[in-house]
PDB file of N, CA and C in Angstrom:
ATOM      1  N   LEU A   1       0.846  -1.187   0.000  1.00  0.00           N
ATOM      2  CA  LEU A   1       0.000   0.000   0.000  1.00  0.00           C
ATOM      3  C   LEU A   1       0.882   1.238   0.000  1.00  0.00           C
ATOM      4  N   ASN A   2       0.813   1.993  -1.054  1.00  0.00           N
ATOM      5  CA  ASN A   2       1.586   3.228  -1.154  1.00  0.00           C
ATOM      6  C   ASN A   2       0.655   4.418  -1.038  1.00  0.00           C
ATOM      7  N   ILE A   3       1.006   5.340  -0.195  1.00  0.00           N
ATOM      8  CA  ILE A   3       0.226   6.570  -0.028  1.00  0.00           C
ATOM      9  C   ILE A   3       1.109   7.734  -0.436  1.00  0.00           C
ATOM     10  N   TYR A   4       0.620   8.520  -1.356  1.00  0.00           N
ATOM     11  CA  TYR A   4       1.368   9.668  -1.830  1.00  0.00           C
ATOM     12  C   TYR A   4       0.708  10.939  -1.322  1.00  0.00           C
ATOM     13  N   LEU A   5       1.506  11.803  -0.775  1.00  0.00           N
ATOM     14  CA  LEU A   5       1.004  13.095  -0.310  1.00  0.00           C
ATOM     15  C   LEU A   5       1.450  14.159  -1.292  1.00  0.00           C
ATOM     16  N   VAL A   6       0.514  14.906  -1.777  1.00  0.00           N
ATOM     17  CA  VAL A   6       0.807  15.977  -2.718  1.00  0.00           C
ATOM     18  C   VAL A   6       0.497  17.294  -2.033  1.00  0.00           C
ATOM     19  N   GLU A   7       1.475  18.172  -2.022  1.00  0.00           N
ATOM     20  CA  GLU A   7       1.237  19.483  -1.418  1.00  0.00           C
ATOM     21  C   GLU A   7       0.553  20.386  -2.426  1.00  0.00           C
ATOM     22  N   MET A   8      -0.382  21.167  -1.932  1.00  0.00           N
ATOM     23  CA  MET A   8      -1.101  22.113  -2.776  1.00  0.00           C
ATOM     24  C   MET A   8      -0.877  23.508  -2.200  1.00  0.00           C
ATOM     25  N   PRO A   9       0.203  24.182  -2.598  1.00  0.00           N
ATOM     26  CA  PRO A   9       0.520  25.466  -1.974  1.00  0.00           C
ATOM     27  C   PRO A   9      -0.545  26.534  -2.190  1.00  0.00           C
ATOM     28  N   LEU A  10      -1.189  26.561  -3.347  1.00  0.00           N
ATOM     29  CA  LEU A  10      -2.221  27.571  -3.579  1.00  0.00           C
ATOM     30  C   LEU A  10      -3.406  27.338  -2.659  1.00  0.00           C
ATOM     31  N   PHE A  11      -3.832  26.092  -2.528  1.00  0.00           N
ATOM     32  CA  PHE A  11      -4.948  25.769  -1.648  1.00  0.00           C
ATOM     33  C   PHE A  11      -4.605  26.101  -0.201  1.00  0.00           C
ATOM     34  N   GLU A  12      -3.401  25.757   0.236  1.00  0.00           N
ATOM     35  CA  GLU A  12      -2.991  26.053   1.601  1.00  0.00           C
ATOM     36  C   GLU A  12      -2.949  27.554   1.834  1.00  0.00           C
ATOM     37  N   ALA A  13      -2.523  28.302   0.832  1.00  0.00           N
ATOM     38  CA  ALA A  13      -2.457  29.755   0.995  1.00  0.00           C
ATOM     39  C   ALA A  13      -3.844  30.345   1.156  1.00  0.00           C
ATOM     40  N   LEU A  14      -4.816  29.784   0.459  1.00  0.00           N
ATOM     41  CA  LEU A  14      -6.170  30.305   0.572  1.00  0.00           C
ATOM     42  C   LEU A  14      -6.817  29.936   1.894  1.00  0.00           C
ATOM     43  N   SER A  15      -6.563  28.741   2.375  1.00  0.00           N
ATOM     44  CA  SER A  15      -7.295  28.288   3.549  1.00  0.00           C
ATOM     45  C   SER A  15      -6.594  28.576   4.864  1.00  0.00           C
ATOM     46  N   TYR A  16      -5.279  28.669   4.864  1.00  0.00           N
ATOM     47  CA  TYR A  16      -4.573  28.841   6.124  1.00  0.00           C
ATOM     48  C   TYR A  16      -3.864  30.186   6.236  1.00  0.00           C
ATOM     49  N   SER A  17      -4.170  31.120   5.358  1.00  0.00           N
ATOM     50  CA  SER A  17      -3.439  32.379   5.355  1.00  0.00           C
ATOM     51  C   SER A  17      -3.837  33.296   6.498  1.00  0.00           C
ATOM     52  N   SER A  18      -4.985  33.105   7.083  1.00  0.00           N
ATOM     53  CA  SER A  18      -5.411  33.976   8.171  1.00  0.00           C
ATOM     54  C   SER A  18      -6.023  33.147   9.286  1.00  0.00           C
ATOM     55  N   ASP A  19      -6.127  33.766  10.442  1.00  0.00           N
ATOM     56  CA  ASP A  19      -6.720  33.082  11.587  1.00  0.00           C
ATOM     57  C   ASP A  19      -8.224  32.936  11.416  1.00  0.00           C
ATOM     58  N   LYS A  20      -8.822  33.854  10.721  1.00  0.00           N
ATOM     59  CA  LYS A  20     -10.279  33.876  10.569  1.00  0.00           C
ATOM     60  C   LYS A  20     -10.699  33.014   9.389  1.00  0.00           C
ATOM     61  N   ASN A  21     -11.854  32.411   9.501  1.00  0.00           N
ATOM     62  CA  ASN A  21     -12.393  31.606   8.412  1.00  0.00           C
ATOM     63  C   ASN A  21     -13.061  32.489   7.373  1.00  0.00           C
ATOM     64  N   VAL A  22     -13.140  31.959   6.178  1.00  0.00           N
ATOM     65  CA  VAL A  22     -13.782  32.647   5.068  1.00  0.00           C
ATOM     66  C   VAL A  22     -15.290  32.452   5.182  1.00  0.00           C
ATOM     67  N   VAL A  23     -16.054  33.514   4.937  1.00  0.00           N
ATOM     68  CA  VAL A  23     -17.513  33.439   4.955  1.00  0.00           C
ATOM     69  C   VAL A  23     -17.991  33.012   3.570  1.00  0.00           C
ATOM     70  N   ILE A  24     -18.836  31.991   3.527  1.00  0.00           N
ATOM     71  CA  ILE A  24     -19.431  31.506   2.281  1.00  0.00           C
ATOM     72  C   ILE A  24     -20.878  31.975   2.258  1.00  0.00           C
ATOM     73  N   LEU A  25     -21.288  32.607   1.166  1.00  0.00           N
ATOM     74  CA  LEU A  25     -22.616  33.203   1.065  1.00  0.00           C
ATOM     75  C   LEU A  25     -23.296  32.745  -0.223  1.00  0.00           C
ATOM     76  N   ASP A  26     -24.482  32.176  -0.078  1.00  0.00           N
ATOM     77  CA  ASP A  26     -25.276  31.733  -1.229  1.00  0.00           C
ATOM     78  C   ASP A  26     -26.662  32.349  -1.091  1.00  0.00           C
ATOM     79  N   ILE A  27     -26.884  33.455  -1.804  1.00  0.00           N
ATOM     80  CA  ILE A  27     -28.167  34.153  -1.736  1.00  0.00           C
ATOM     81  C   ILE A  27     -29.077  33.559  -2.801  1.00  0.00           C
ATOM     82  N   GLY A  28     -30.100  32.851  -2.351  1.00  0.00           N
ATOM     83  CA  GLY A  28     -31.036  32.220  -3.272  1.00  0.00           C
ATOM     84  C   GLY A  28     -32.306  33.034  -3.419  1.00  0.00           C
ATOM     85  N   ALA A  29     -33.181  32.567  -4.281  1.00  0.00           N
ATOM     86  CA  ALA A  29     -34.442  33.267  -4.518  1.00  0.00           C
ATOM     87  C   ALA A  29     -35.362  33.188  -3.309  1.00  0.00           C
ATOM     88  N   VAL A  30     -35.315  32.078  -2.572  1.00  0.00           N
ATOM     89  CA  VAL A  30     -36.195  31.893  -1.419  1.00  0.00           C
ATOM     90  C   VAL A  30     -35.413  31.890  -0.112  1.00  0.00           C
ATOM     91  N   TYR A  31     -34.299  31.156  -0.071  1.00  0.00           N
ATOM     92  CA  TYR A  31     -33.495  31.057   1.148  1.00  0.00           C
ATOM     93  C   TYR A  31     -32.054  31.456   0.875  1.00  0.00           C
ATOM     94  N   THR A  32     -31.398  31.950   1.901  1.00  0.00           N
ATOM     95  CA  THR A  32     -29.982  32.273   1.837  1.00  0.00           C
ATOM     96  C   THR A  32     -29.249  31.356   2.795  1.00  0.00           C
ATOM     97  N   LYS A  33     -28.206  30.726   2.284  1.00  0.00           N
ATOM     98  CA  LYS A  33     -27.381  29.853   3.105  1.00  0.00           C
ATOM     99  C   LYS A  33     -26.035  30.535   3.316  1.00  0.00           C
ATOM    100  N   CYS A  34     -25.579  30.525   4.564  1.00  0.00           N
ATOM    101  CA  CYS A  34     -24.284  31.131   4.836  1.00  0.00           C
ATOM    102  C   CYS A  34     -23.601  30.386   5.969  1.00  0.00           C
ATOM    103  N   GLY A  35     -22.304  30.448   5.952  1.00  0.00           N
ATOM    104  CA  GLY A  35     -21.519  29.779   6.974  1.00  0.00           C
ATOM    105  C   GLY A  35     -20.058  30.097   6.786  1.00  0.00           C
ATOM    106  N   LEU A  36     -19.229  29.347   7.477  1.00  0.00           N
ATOM    107  CA  LEU A  36     -17.793  29.551   7.414  1.00  0.00           C
ATOM    108  C   LEU A  36     -17.143  28.381   6.692  1.00  0.00           C
ATOM    109  N   ALA A  37     -16.097  28.677   5.939  1.00  0.00           N
ATOM    110  CA  ALA A  37     -15.387  27.635   5.210  1.00  0.00           C
ATOM    111  C   ALA A  37     -14.803  26.634   6.196  1.00  0.00           C
ATOM    112  N   GLY A  38     -14.840  25.382   5.827  1.00  0.00           N
ATOM    113  CA  GLY A  38     -14.300  24.335   6.675  1.00  0.00           C
ATOM    114  C   GLY A  38     -15.340  23.669   7.552  1.00  0.00           C
ATOM    115  N   GLU A  39     -16.502  24.257   7.677  1.00  0.00           N
ATOM    116  CA  GLU A  39     -17.569  23.636   8.454  1.00  0.00           C
ATOM    117  C   GLU A  39     -18.316  22.646   7.567  1.00  0.00           C
ATOM    118  N   THR A  40     -18.980  21.685   8.188  1.00  0.00           N
ATOM    119  CA  THR A  40     -19.630  20.623   7.419  1.00  0.00           C
ATOM    120  C   THR A  40     -20.889  21.072   6.696  1.00  0.00           C
ATOM    121  N   GLY A  41     -21.513  22.132   7.155  1.00  0.00           N
ATOM    122  CA  GLY A  41     -22.741  22.618   6.534  1.00  0.00           C
ATOM    123  C   GLY A  41     -22.918  24.091   6.807  1.00  0.00           C
ATOM    124  N   PRO A  42     -23.963  24.676   6.262  1.00  0.00           N
ATOM    125  CA  PRO A  42     -24.206  26.100   6.505  1.00  0.00           C
ATOM    126  C   PRO A  42     -24.477  26.373   7.982  1.00  0.00           C
ATOM    127  N   ARG A  43     -23.993  27.485   8.448  1.00  0.00           N
ATOM    128  CA  ARG A  43     -24.231  27.872   9.835  1.00  0.00           C
ATOM    129  C   ARG A  43     -25.666  28.345  10.013  1.00  0.00           C
ATOM    130  N   CYS A  44     -26.206  29.001   9.003  1.00  0.00           N
ATOM    131  CA  CYS A  44     -27.603  29.420   9.088  1.00  0.00           C
ATOM    132  C   CYS A  44     -28.232  29.414   7.697  1.00  0.00           C
ATOM    133  N   ILE A  45     -29.508  29.097   7.677  1.00  0.00           N
ATOM    134  CA  ILE A  45     -30.324  29.154   6.466  1.00  0.00           C
ATOM    135  C   ILE A  45     -31.508  30.035   6.814  1.00  0.00           C
ATOM    136  N   ILE A  46     -31.560  31.205   6.178  1.00  0.00           N
ATOM    137  CA  ILE A  46     -32.603  32.175   6.507  1.00  0.00           C
ATOM    138  C   ILE A  46     -33.372  32.545   5.242  1.00  0.00           C
ATOM    139  N   PRO A  47     -34.603  33.002   5.384  1.00  0.00           N
ATOM    140  CA  PRO A  47     -35.370  33.448   4.209  1.00  0.00           C
ATOM    141  C   PRO A  47     -34.714  34.674   3.562  1.00  0.00           C
ATOM    142  N   SER A  48     -34.757  34.745   2.257  1.00  0.00           N
ATOM    143  CA  SER A  48     -34.180  35.872   1.517  1.00  0.00           C
ATOM    144  C   SER A  48     -35.177  37.017   1.447  1.00  0.00           C
ATOM    145  N   VAL A  49     -35.537  37.533   2.605  1.00  0.00           N
ATOM    146  CA  VAL A  49     -36.483  38.645   2.697  1.00  0.00           C
ATOM    147  C   VAL A  49     -35.890  39.729   3.580  1.00  0.00           C
ATOM    148  N   VAL A  50     -36.409  40.927   3.414  1.00  0.00           N
ATOM    149  CA  VAL A  50     -35.970  42.067   4.211  1.00  0.00           C
ATOM    150  C   VAL A  50     -37.177  42.955   4.483  1.00  0.00           C
ATOM    151  N   LYS A  51     -37.138  43.659   5.582  1.00  0.00           N
ATOM    152  CA  LYS A  51     -38.234  44.569   5.927  1.00  0.00           C
ATOM    153  C   LYS A  51     -37.999  45.913   5.242  1.00  0.00           C
ATOM    154  N   ASN A  52     -38.977  46.332   4.467  1.00  0.00           N
ATOM    155  CA  ASN A  52     -38.892  47.607   3.769  1.00  0.00           C
ATOM    156  C   ASN A  52     -39.065  48.738   4.776  1.00  0.00           C
ATOM    157  N   GLU A  53     -38.112  49.663   4.805  1.00  0.00           N
ATOM    158  CA  GLU A  53     -38.144  50.741   5.798  1.00  0.00           C
ATOM    159  C   GLU A  53     -39.243  51.763   5.522  1.00  0.00           C
ATOM    160  N   LYS A  54     -39.641  51.900   4.267  1.00  0.00           N
ATOM    161  CA  LYS A  54     -40.633  52.923   3.923  1.00  0.00           C
ATOM    162  C   LYS A  54     -42.043  52.536   4.342  1.00  0.00           C
ATOM    163  N   ASN A  55     -42.441  51.307   4.009  1.00  0.00           N
ATOM    164  CA  ASN A  55     -43.823  50.916   4.296  1.00  0.00           C
ATOM    165  C   ASN A  55     -43.932  49.776   5.306  1.00  0.00           C
ATOM    166  N   GLU A  56     -42.817  49.378   5.920  1.00  0.00           N
ATOM    167  CA  GLU A  56     -42.793  48.356   6.973  1.00  0.00           C
ATOM    168  C   GLU A  56     -43.290  46.986   6.513  1.00  0.00           C
ATOM    169  N   LYS A  57     -43.260  46.725   5.217  1.00  0.00           N
ATOM    170  CA  LYS A  57     -43.664  45.416   4.699  1.00  0.00           C
ATOM    171  C   LYS A  57     -42.429  44.542   4.499  1.00  0.00           C
ATOM    172  N   ILE A  58     -42.631  43.245   4.597  1.00  0.00           N
ATOM    173  CA  ILE A  58     -41.548  42.303   4.332  1.00  0.00           C
ATOM    174  C   ILE A  58     -41.582  41.953   2.850  1.00  0.00           C
ATOM    175  N   VAL A  59     -40.452  42.173   2.171  1.00  0.00           N
ATOM    176  CA  VAL A  59     -40.360  41.928   0.730  1.00  0.00           C
ATOM    177  C   VAL A  59     -39.169  41.017   0.447  1.00  0.00           C
ATOM    178  N   LYS A  60     -39.247  40.301  -0.666  1.00  0.00           N
ATOM    179  CA  LYS A  60     -38.115  39.489  -1.101  1.00  0.00           C
ATOM    180  C   LYS A  60     -37.017  40.413  -1.609  1.00  0.00           C
ATOM    181  N   ILE A  61     -35.795  39.993  -1.430  1.00  0.00           N
ATOM    182  CA  ILE A  61     -34.652  40.824  -1.837  1.00  0.00           C
ATOM    183  C   ILE A  61     -34.694  41.132  -3.323  1.00  0.00           C
ATOM    184  N   TRP A  62     -35.059  40.142  -4.121  1.00  0.00           N
ATOM    185  CA  TRP A  62     -34.993  40.291  -5.569  1.00  0.00           C
ATOM    186  C   TRP A  62     -36.211  40.980  -6.170  1.00  0.00           C
ATOM    187  N   GLU A  63     -37.179  41.384  -5.354  1.00  0.00           N
ATOM    188  CA  GLU A  63     -38.332  42.136  -5.859  1.00  0.00           C
ATOM    189  C   GLU A  63     -38.043  43.624  -5.697  1.00  0.00           C
ATOM    190  N   PHE A  64     -37.610  44.237  -6.773  1.00  0.00           N
ATOM    191  CA  PHE A  64     -37.252  45.653  -6.727  1.00  0.00           C
ATOM    192  C   PHE A  64     -37.651  46.304  -8.040  1.00  0.00           C
ATOM    193  N   SER A  65     -37.865  47.607  -7.969  1.00  0.00           N
ATOM    194  CA  SER A  65     -38.227  48.335  -9.184  1.00  0.00           C
ATOM    195  C   SER A  65     -37.082  49.211  -9.679  1.00  0.00           C
ATOM    196  N   THR A  66     -36.227  49.658  -8.764  1.00  0.00           N
ATOM    197  CA  THR A  66     -35.078  50.485  -9.149  1.00  0.00           C
ATOM    198  C   THR A  66     -33.807  49.904  -8.534  1.00  0.00           C
ATOM    199  N   THR A  67     -32.677  50.338  -9.059  1.00  0.00           N
ATOM    200  CA  THR A  67     -31.400  49.891  -8.514  1.00  0.00           C
ATOM    201  C   THR A  67     -31.205  50.395  -7.091  1.00  0.00           C
ATOM    202  N   GLU A  68     -31.717  51.579  -6.792  1.00  0.00           N
ATOM    203  CA  GLU A  68     -31.601  52.128  -5.437  1.00  0.00           C
ATOM    204  C   GLU A  68     -32.361  51.265  -4.427  1.00  0.00           C
ATOM    205  N   GLU A  69     -33.508  50.769  -4.839  1.00  0.00           N
ATOM    206  CA  GLU A  69     -34.291  49.892  -3.965  1.00  0.00           C
ATOM    207  C   GLU A  69     -33.547  48.571  -3.728  1.00  0.00           C
ATOM    208  N   LEU A  70     -32.947  48.017  -4.777  1.00  0.00           N
ATOM    209  CA  LEU A  70     -32.137  46.809  -4.635  1.00  0.00           C
ATOM    210  C   LEU A  70     -30.953  47.066  -3.714  1.00  0.00           C
ATOM    211  N   TYR A  71     -30.331  48.228  -3.857  1.00  0.00           N
ATOM    212  CA  TYR A  71     -29.187  48.604  -3.020  1.00  0.00           C
ATOM    213  C   TYR A  71     -29.580  48.618  -1.542  1.00  0.00           C
ATOM    214  N   GLU A  72     -30.700  49.241  -1.226  1.00  0.00           N
ATOM    215  CA  GLU A  72     -31.168  49.297   0.167  1.00  0.00           C
ATOM    216  C   GLU A  72     -31.540  47.906   0.679  1.00  0.00           C
ATOM    217  N   ASN A  73     -32.195  47.112  -0.161  1.00  0.00           N
ATOM    218  CA  ASN A  73     -32.555  45.749   0.237  1.00  0.00           C
ATOM    219  C   ASN A  73     -31.313  44.933   0.581  1.00  0.00           C
ATOM    220  N   LEU A  74     -30.309  44.977  -0.293  1.00  0.00           N
ATOM    221  CA  LEU A  74     -29.092  44.208  -0.057  1.00  0.00           C
ATOM    222  C   LEU A  74     -28.324  44.722   1.154  1.00  0.00           C
ATOM    223  N   LYS A  75     -28.272  46.034   1.323  1.00  0.00           N
ATOM    224  CA  LYS A  75     -27.559  46.605   2.474  1.00  0.00           C
ATOM    225  C   LYS A  75     -28.197  46.144   3.781  1.00  0.00           C
ATOM    226  N   ASN A  76     -29.505  46.244   3.880  1.00  0.00           N
ATOM    227  CA  ASN A  76     -30.201  45.823   5.099  1.00  0.00           C
ATOM    228  C   ASN A  76     -30.098  44.316   5.313  1.00  0.00           C
ATOM    229  N   PHE A  77     -30.214  43.557   4.235  1.00  0.00           N
ATOM    230  CA  PHE A  77     -30.157  42.104   4.356  1.00  0.00           C
ATOM    231  C   PHE A  77     -28.775  41.636   4.802  1.00  0.00           C
ATOM    232  N   LEU A  78     -27.721  42.184   4.206  1.00  0.00           N
ATOM    233  CA  LEU A  78     -26.372  41.766   4.577  1.00  0.00           C
ATOM    234  C   LEU A  78     -26.017  42.193   5.995  1.00  0.00           C
ATOM    235  N   PHE A  79     -26.513  43.356   6.419  1.00  0.00           N
ATOM    236  CA  PHE A  79     -26.296  43.772   7.807  1.00  0.00           C
ATOM    237  C   PHE A  79     -26.934  42.760   8.753  1.00  0.00           C
ATOM    238  N   GLN A  80     -28.165  42.378   8.461  1.00  0.00           N
ATOM    239  CA  GLN A  80     -28.864  41.379   9.274  1.00  0.00           C
ATOM    240  C   GLN A  80     -28.113  40.050   9.246  1.00  0.00           C
ATOM    241  N   LEU A  81     -27.632  39.667   8.095  1.00  0.00           N
ATOM    242  CA  LEU A  81     -26.949  38.389   7.937  1.00  0.00           C
ATOM    243  C   LEU A  81     -25.654  38.328   8.745  1.00  0.00           C
ATOM    244  N   PHE A  82     -24.804  39.340   8.599  1.00  0.00           N
ATOM    245  CA  PHE A  82     -23.512  39.320   9.276  1.00  0.00           C
ATOM    246  C   PHE A  82     -23.632  39.525  10.782  1.00  0.00           C
ATOM    247  N   PHE A  83     -24.432  40.488  11.205  1.00  0.00           N
ATOM    248  CA  PHE A  83     -24.419  40.894  12.605  1.00  0.00           C
ATOM    249  C   PHE A  83     -25.505  40.252  13.464  1.00  0.00           C
ATOM    250  N   ARG A  84     -26.514  39.648  12.859  1.00  0.00           N
ATOM    251  CA  ARG A  84     -27.560  38.994  13.653  1.00  0.00           C
ATOM    252  C   ARG A  84     -27.579  37.485  13.474  1.00  0.00           C
ATOM    253  N   SER A  85     -27.253  37.005  12.284  1.00  0.00           N
ATOM    254  CA  SER A  85     -27.309  35.562  12.039  1.00  0.00           C
ATOM    255  C   SER A  85     -25.944  34.893  12.222  1.00  0.00           C
ATOM    256  N   LEU A  86     -24.925  35.421  11.541  1.00  0.00           N
ATOM    257  CA  LEU A  86     -23.594  34.822  11.631  1.00  0.00           C
ATOM    258  C   LEU A  86     -22.816  35.281  12.864  1.00  0.00           C
ATOM    259  N   LEU A  87     -23.111  36.474  13.333  1.00  0.00           N
ATOM    260  CA  LEU A  87     -22.408  37.075  14.472  1.00  0.00           C
ATOM    261  C   LEU A  87     -20.913  37.203  14.211  1.00  0.00           C
ATOM    262  N   VAL A  88     -20.568  37.701  13.025  1.00  0.00           N
ATOM    263  CA  VAL A  88     -19.171  37.951  12.670  1.00  0.00           C
ATOM    264  C   VAL A  88     -19.051  39.358  12.107  1.00  0.00           C
ATOM    265  N   ASN A  89     -17.852  39.911  12.203  1.00  0.00           N
ATOM    266  CA  ASN A  89     -17.574  41.216  11.625  1.00  0.00           C
ATOM    267  C   ASN A  89     -17.119  41.007  10.183  1.00  0.00           C
ATOM    268  N   ALA A  90     -17.826  41.580   9.259  1.00  0.00           N
ATOM    269  CA  ALA A  90     -17.542  41.370   7.836  1.00  0.00           C
ATOM    270  C   ALA A  90     -16.204  41.971   7.426  1.00  0.00           C
ATOM    271  N   LYS A  91     -15.740  42.982   8.113  1.00  0.00           N
ATOM    272  CA  LYS A  91     -14.492  43.646   7.738  1.00  0.00           C
ATOM    273  C   LYS A  91     -13.273  42.781   8.029  1.00  0.00           C
ATOM    274  N   ASP A  92     -13.404  41.823   8.943  1.00  0.00           N
ATOM    275  CA  ASP A  92     -12.282  40.968   9.313  1.00  0.00           C
ATOM    276  C   ASP A  92     -12.215  39.687   8.501  1.00  0.00           C
ATOM    277  N   ARG A  93     -13.149  39.453   7.624  1.00  0.00           N
ATOM    278  CA  ARG A  93     -13.260  38.165   6.932  1.00  0.00           C
ATOM    279  C   ARG A  93     -13.216  38.337   5.422  1.00  0.00           C
ATOM    280  N   ARG A  94     -12.739  37.295   4.770  1.00  0.00           N
ATOM    281  CA  ARG A  94     -12.878  37.214   3.319  1.00  0.00           C
ATOM    282  C   ARG A  94     -14.256  36.647   3.019  1.00  0.00           C
ATOM    283  N   LEU A  95     -14.742  36.899   1.824  1.00  0.00           N
ATOM    284  CA  LEU A  95     -16.097  36.495   1.467  1.00  0.00           C
ATOM    285  C   LEU A  95     -16.096  35.790   0.118  1.00  0.00           C
ATOM    286  N   VAL A  96     -16.781  34.658   0.058  1.00  0.00           N
ATOM    287  CA  VAL A  96     -17.004  33.945  -1.198  1.00  0.00           C
ATOM    288  C   VAL A  96     -18.501  33.972  -1.454  1.00  0.00           C
ATOM    289  N   VAL A  97     -18.901  34.536  -2.596  1.00  0.00           N
ATOM    290  CA  VAL A  97     -20.312  34.624  -2.957  1.00  0.00           C
ATOM    291  C   VAL A  97     -20.590  33.599  -4.052  1.00  0.00           C
ATOM    292  N   CYS A  98     -21.510  32.685  -3.782  1.00  0.00           N
ATOM    293  CA  CYS A  98     -21.943  31.691  -4.774  1.00  0.00           C
ATOM    294  C   CYS A  98     -23.186  32.251  -5.455  1.00  0.00           C
ATOM    295  N   GLU A  99     -23.122  32.401  -6.754  1.00  0.00           N
ATOM    296  CA  GLU A  99     -24.270  32.974  -7.458  1.00  0.00           C
ATOM    297  C   GLU A  99     -24.544  32.194  -8.731  1.00  0.00           C
ATOM    298  N   SER A 100     -25.742  32.337  -9.213  1.00  0.00           N
ATOM    299  CA  SER A 100     -26.153  31.663 -10.435  1.00  0.00           C
ATOM    300  C   SER A 100     -25.481  32.312 -11.637  1.00  0.00           C
ATOM    301  N   ILE A 101     -25.207  31.513 -12.623  1.00  0.00           N
ATOM    302  CA  ILE A 101     -24.622  32.046 -13.850  1.00  0.00           C
ATOM    303  C   ILE A 101     -25.628  32.932 -14.592  1.00  0.00           C
ATOM    304  N   LEU A 102     -26.907  32.758 -14.287  1.00  0.00           N
ATOM    305  CA  LEU A 102     -27.960  33.553 -14.920  1.00  0.00           C
ATOM    306  C   LEU A 102     -28.285  34.827 -14.149  1.00  0.00           C
ATOM    307  N   CYS A 103     -27.531  35.107 -13.097  1.00  0.00           N
ATOM    308  CA  CYS A 103     -27.762  36.305 -12.286  1.00  0.00           C
ATOM    309  C   CYS A 103     -27.514  37.555 -13.141  1.00  0.00           C
ATOM    310  N   PRO A 104     -28.456  38.501 -13.166  1.00  0.00           N
ATOM    311  CA  PRO A 104     -28.269  39.711 -13.971  1.00  0.00           C
ATOM    312  C   PRO A 104     -27.066  40.527 -13.500  1.00  0.00           C
ATOM    313  N   SER A 105     -26.396  41.168 -14.433  1.00  0.00           N
ATOM    314  CA  SER A 105     -25.209  41.956 -14.085  1.00  0.00           C
ATOM    315  C   SER A 105     -25.566  43.128 -13.173  1.00  0.00           C
ATOM    316  N   GLN A 106     -26.777  43.652 -13.275  1.00  0.00           N
ATOM    317  CA  GLN A 106     -27.221  44.742 -12.403  1.00  0.00           C
ATOM    318  C   GLN A 106     -27.203  44.292 -10.939  1.00  0.00           C
ATOM    319  N   VAL A 107     -27.661  43.088 -10.678  1.00  0.00           N
ATOM    320  CA  VAL A 107     -27.670  42.549  -9.315  1.00  0.00           C
ATOM    321  C   VAL A 107     -26.246  42.310  -8.842  1.00  0.00           C
ATOM    322  N   ARG A 108     -25.417  41.739  -9.700  1.00  0.00           N
ATOM    323  CA  ARG A 108     -24.025  41.449  -9.353  1.00  0.00           C
ATOM    324  C   ARG A 108     -23.265  42.733  -9.028  1.00  0.00           C
ATOM    325  N   GLU A 109     -23.432  43.751  -9.844  1.00  0.00           N
ATOM    326  CA  GLU A 109     -22.745  45.026  -9.615  1.00  0.00           C
ATOM    327  C   GLU A 109     -23.236  45.707  -8.345  1.00  0.00           C
ATOM    328  N   THR A 110     -24.529  45.653  -8.092  1.00  0.00           N
ATOM    329  CA  THR A 110     -25.081  46.275  -6.886  1.00  0.00           C
ATOM    330  C   THR A 110     -24.607  45.549  -5.637  1.00  0.00           C
ATOM    331  N   LEU A 111     -24.547  44.231  -5.682  1.00  0.00           N
ATOM    332  CA  LEU A 111     -24.047  43.457  -4.545  1.00  0.00           C
ATOM    333  C   LEU A 111     -22.587  43.806  -4.263  1.00  0.00           C
ATOM    334  N   ALA A 112     -21.777  43.899  -5.304  1.00  0.00           N
ATOM    335  CA  ALA A 112     -20.371  44.267  -5.125  1.00  0.00           C
ATOM    336  C   ALA A 112     -20.244  45.672  -4.545  1.00  0.00           C
ATOM    337  N   LYS A 113     -21.068  46.591  -5.013  1.00  0.00           N
ATOM    338  CA  LYS A 113     -21.039  47.967  -4.513  1.00  0.00           C
ATOM    339  C   LYS A 113     -21.388  48.019  -3.027  1.00  0.00           C
ATOM    340  N   VAL A 114     -22.424  47.294  -2.624  1.00  0.00           N
ATOM    341  CA  VAL A 114     -22.822  47.255  -1.211  1.00  0.00           C
ATOM    342  C   VAL A 114     -21.705  46.665  -0.363  1.00  0.00           C
ATOM    343  N   LEU A 115     -21.115  45.573  -0.826  1.00  0.00           N
ATOM    344  CA  LEU A 115     -20.054  44.928  -0.051  1.00  0.00           C
ATOM    345  C   LEU A 115     -18.833  45.827   0.096  1.00  0.00           C
ATOM    346  N   PHE A 116     -18.429  46.498  -0.962  1.00  0.00           N
ATOM    347  CA  PHE A 116     -17.234  47.334  -0.891  1.00  0.00           C
ATOM    348  C   PHE A 116     -17.463  48.623  -0.113  1.00  0.00           C
ATOM    349  N   ILE A 117     -18.640  49.203  -0.200  1.00  0.00           N
ATOM    350  CA  ILE A 117     -18.891  50.474   0.489  1.00  0.00           C
ATOM    351  C   ILE A 117     -19.217  50.270   1.961  1.00  0.00           C
ATOM    352  N   HIS A 118     -20.097  49.335   2.273  1.00  0.00           N
ATOM    353  CA  HIS A 118     -20.584  49.215   3.652  1.00  0.00           C
ATOM    354  C   HIS A 118     -19.870  48.153   4.478  1.00  0.00           C
ATOM    355  N   PHE A 119     -19.284  47.161   3.843  1.00  0.00           N
ATOM    356  CA  PHE A 119     -18.672  46.067   4.595  1.00  0.00           C
ATOM    357  C   PHE A 119     -17.181  45.919   4.318  1.00  0.00           C
ATOM    358  N   GLU A 120     -16.631  46.793   3.513  1.00  0.00           N
ATOM    359  CA  GLU A 120     -15.207  46.855   3.162  1.00  0.00           C
ATOM    360  C   GLU A 120     -14.642  45.486   2.916  1.00  0.00           C
TER     361      GLU A 120
END
């Protein structure tokens, strides 16, 4: 029985480069799954909804009429996700976002804008 060990320096650099674990985020149409890399499953699975500040109604994240509305939805949702569900500081962690290949570029750009401006 021969066992060969192959070192993977790129993989090791990604996974062991910091003390903190990487946050994995999968925002779905109905549910959002999130957790930390290296764990066996998602740390939390929550509905992909947010409370609208203007009319106090609960709306799905992806139901928006303008980019500004999507921006506010994502900002509020990610704040809730990081600080109430995951209980981690987003500024101290790397983030991996799993998204559909059919995701519109408007949504992708708005998500990136929210992450870079509010969560650095």
